[in-house]
């Protein structure tokens, strides 16, 4: 990948993350107007795990793009020496430098999110194939 590709990839990544942040806002608005169906009865530990997974996933949907925005701001300010950035041609504000390694937080937060997603998928498959209940069908509606 040439010099142009090395500069383009972070911009595409940041642009996609910014779009995801907007989509998450729409998702949260939609979820508030359309609450999920009541939870199925399950043993206490499974219910707690499901609640914690949902909280973690919703938190990640907000925090991962937001920490990416901050990390992108730091990258643009430090590496390119500019005061504003653009994503898909739109100017976005650069957030203040808080002296924290946001790239590290964004990177590891993304990895932890993938782990939670994987566990969530495994739990849904367990419900479908082992418990033979409707959890997976309800999730896919």
Protein backbone atom coordinates (compact mmCIF):
# COMPACT_ATOMS: atom_id res chain seq x y z
CA UNK A 1 0.00 0.00 0.00
CA UNK A 2 1.64 3.23 -1.06
CA UNK A 3 1.93 6.50 0.84
CA UNK A 4 -1.54 7.54 -0.34
CA UNK A 5 -3.08 4.30 1.01
CA UNK A 6 -1.36 4.73 4.37
CA UNK A 7 -3.02 8.16 4.73
CA UNK A 8 -6.37 7.05 3.30
CA UNK A 9 -6.97 4.06 5.59
CA UNK A 10 -7.07 6.03 8.88
CA UNK A 11 -9.39 8.58 7.26
CA UNK A 12 -11.77 5.86 6.04
CA UNK A 13 -11.66 4.18 9.48
CA UNK A 14 -12.40 7.47 11.24
CA UNK A 15 -15.15 8.34 8.77
CA UNK A 16 -16.82 4.96 9.29
CA UNK A 17 -16.55 5.39 13.07
CA UNK A 18 -18.14 8.82 12.93
CA UNK A 19 -21.01 7.44 10.84
CA UNK A 20 -21.38 4.62 13.40
CA UNK A 21 -21.60 7.18 16.20
CA UNK A 22 -24.50 8.87 14.38
CA UNK A 23 -26.17 5.49 13.72
CA UNK A 24 -25.81 4.55 17.40
CA UNK A 25 -27.61 7.76 18.32
CA UNK A 26 -30.43 6.74 15.98
CA UNK A 27 -30.42 3.21 17.44
CA UNK A 28 -30.71 4.56 20.99
CA UNK A 29 -33.56 6.85 19.93
CA UNK A 30 -35.33 3.92 18.23
CA UNK A 31 -34.80 1.60 21.24
CA UNK A 32 -36.27 4.22 23.56
CA UNK A 33 -39.40 4.40 21.40
CA UNK A 34 -39.59 0.59 20.87
CA UNK A 35 -38.68 -1.24 24.08
CA UNK A 36 -37.65 -4.89 23.80
CA UNK A 37 -40.14 -7.64 24.62
CA UNK A 38 -40.13 -8.87 28.21
CA UNK A 39 -37.21 -11.12 29.06
CA UNK A 40 -37.74 -14.85 29.19
CA UNK A 41 -37.43 -16.48 32.57
CA UNK A 42 -33.97 -17.92 33.07
CA UNK A 43 -31.81 -18.88 36.04
CA UNK A 44 -30.60 -15.85 38.01
CA UNK A 45 -27.01 -16.02 36.77
CA UNK A 46 -28.09 -16.16 33.12
CA UNK A 47 -30.42 -13.21 33.58
CA UNK A 48 -27.63 -11.21 35.26
CA UNK A 49 -25.16 -12.16 32.50
CA UNK A 50 -27.65 -11.10 29.81
CA UNK A 51 -28.27 -7.75 31.50
CA UNK A 52 -24.54 -7.10 31.93
CA UNK A 53 -23.88 -8.06 28.29
CA UNK A 54 -26.57 -5.67 27.06
CA UNK A 55 -25.22 -2.82 29.18
CA UNK A 56 -21.68 -3.56 27.97
CA UNK A 57 -22.76 -3.69 24.32
CA UNK A 58 -24.72 -0.44 24.49
CA UNK A 59 -21.86 1.26 26.36
CA UNK A 60 -19.41 0.02 23.73
CA UNK A 61 -21.64 1.28 20.90
CA UNK A 62 -21.21 4.77 22.33
CA UNK A 63 -17.71 4.64 23.84
CA UNK A 64 -15.80 2.93 21.02
CA UNK A 65 -16.74 5.49 18.34
CA UNK A 66 -16.36 8.36 20.82
CA UNK A 67 -12.89 7.27 21.98
CA UNK A 68 -12.03 6.80 18.30
CA UNK A 69 -13.07 10.39 17.63
CA UNK A 70 -10.81 11.58 20.43
CA UNK A 71 -7.95 9.35 19.23
CA UNK A 72 -8.42 10.65 15.67
CA UNK A 73 -8.34 14.20 17.01
CA UNK A 74 -5.01 13.49 18.73
CA UNK A 75 -3.61 11.87 15.58
CA UNK A 76 -4.66 14.77 13.35
CA UNK A 77 -3.35 17.39 15.76
CA UNK A 78 -0.01 15.70 16.53
CA UNK A 79 0.86 13.95 13.27
CA UNK A 80 -0.52 16.42 10.77
CA UNK A 81 -0.33 19.63 12.80
CA UNK A 82 -3.77 20.84 11.78
CA UNK A 83 -6.54 22.43 13.82
CA UNK A 84 -9.53 20.89 12.04
CA UNK A 85 -10.29 17.62 10.33
CA UNK A 86 -12.76 16.42 7.77
CA UNK A 87 -14.64 13.17 7.48
CA UNK A 88 -16.33 12.44 4.16
CA UNK A 89 -15.59 16.08 3.32
CA UNK A 90 -17.45 17.45 6.37
CA UNK A 91 -15.50 19.49 8.90
CA UNK A 92 -15.58 18.00 12.39
CA UNK A 93 -14.42 19.64 15.58
CA UNK A 94 -11.20 18.52 17.19
CA UNK A 95 -11.77 17.67 20.81
CA UNK A 96 -9.47 19.02 23.53
CA UNK A 97 -6.30 17.12 24.42
CA UNK A 98 -6.90 15.52 27.81
CA UNK A 99 -3.44 13.96 28.14
CA UNK A 100 -4.79 10.40 27.93
CA UNK A 101 -3.75 7.73 25.42
CA UNK A 102 -7.16 7.43 23.75
CA UNK A 103 -5.79 5.31 20.92
CA UNK A 104 -4.86 2.62 23.47
CA UNK A 105 -8.31 2.82 25.10
CA UNK A 106 -10.05 2.73 21.71
CA UNK A 107 -7.97 -0.23 20.53
CA UNK A 108 -8.43 -2.37 23.65
CA UNK A 109 -12.06 -1.32 24.04
CA UNK A 110 -12.69 -2.62 20.54
CA UNK A 111 -11.03 -5.94 21.38
CA UNK A 112 -13.07 -6.29 24.58
CA UNK A 113 -16.22 -5.46 22.63
CA UNK A 114 -15.46 -8.23 20.12
CA UNK A 115 -15.04 -10.62 23.06
CA UNK A 116 -18.43 -9.62 24.52
CA UNK A 117 -20.05 -9.97 21.07
CA UNK A 118 -18.53 -13.44 20.71
CA UNK A 119 -19.81 -14.50 24.13
CA UNK A 120 -23.22 -13.05 23.31
CA UNK A 121 -23.36 -15.07 20.07
CA UNK A 122 -22.29 -18.24 21.88
CA UNK A 123 -24.96 -17.68 24.54
CA UNK A 124 -27.62 -17.19 21.84
CA UNK A 125 -26.52 -20.40 20.09
CA UNK A 126 -26.57 -22.25 23.42
CA UNK A 127 -30.15 -21.11 23.97
CA UNK A 128 -31.15 -22.16 20.45
CA UNK A 129 -29.46 -25.56 20.19
CA UNK A 130 -29.12 -26.71 23.81
CA UNK A 131 -32.02 -25.09 25.65
CA UNK A 132 -34.26 -25.12 22.54
CA UNK A 133 -35.97 -21.88 23.53
CA UNK A 134 -36.94 -18.80 21.50
CA UNK A 135 -34.10 -16.47 22.55
CA UNK A 136 -32.30 -16.52 19.17
CA UNK A 137 -35.53 -16.09 17.20
CA UNK A 138 -36.48 -13.12 19.39
CA UNK A 139 -33.06 -11.55 18.82
CA UNK A 140 -33.33 -11.90 15.04
CA UNK A 141 -36.73 -10.20 14.78
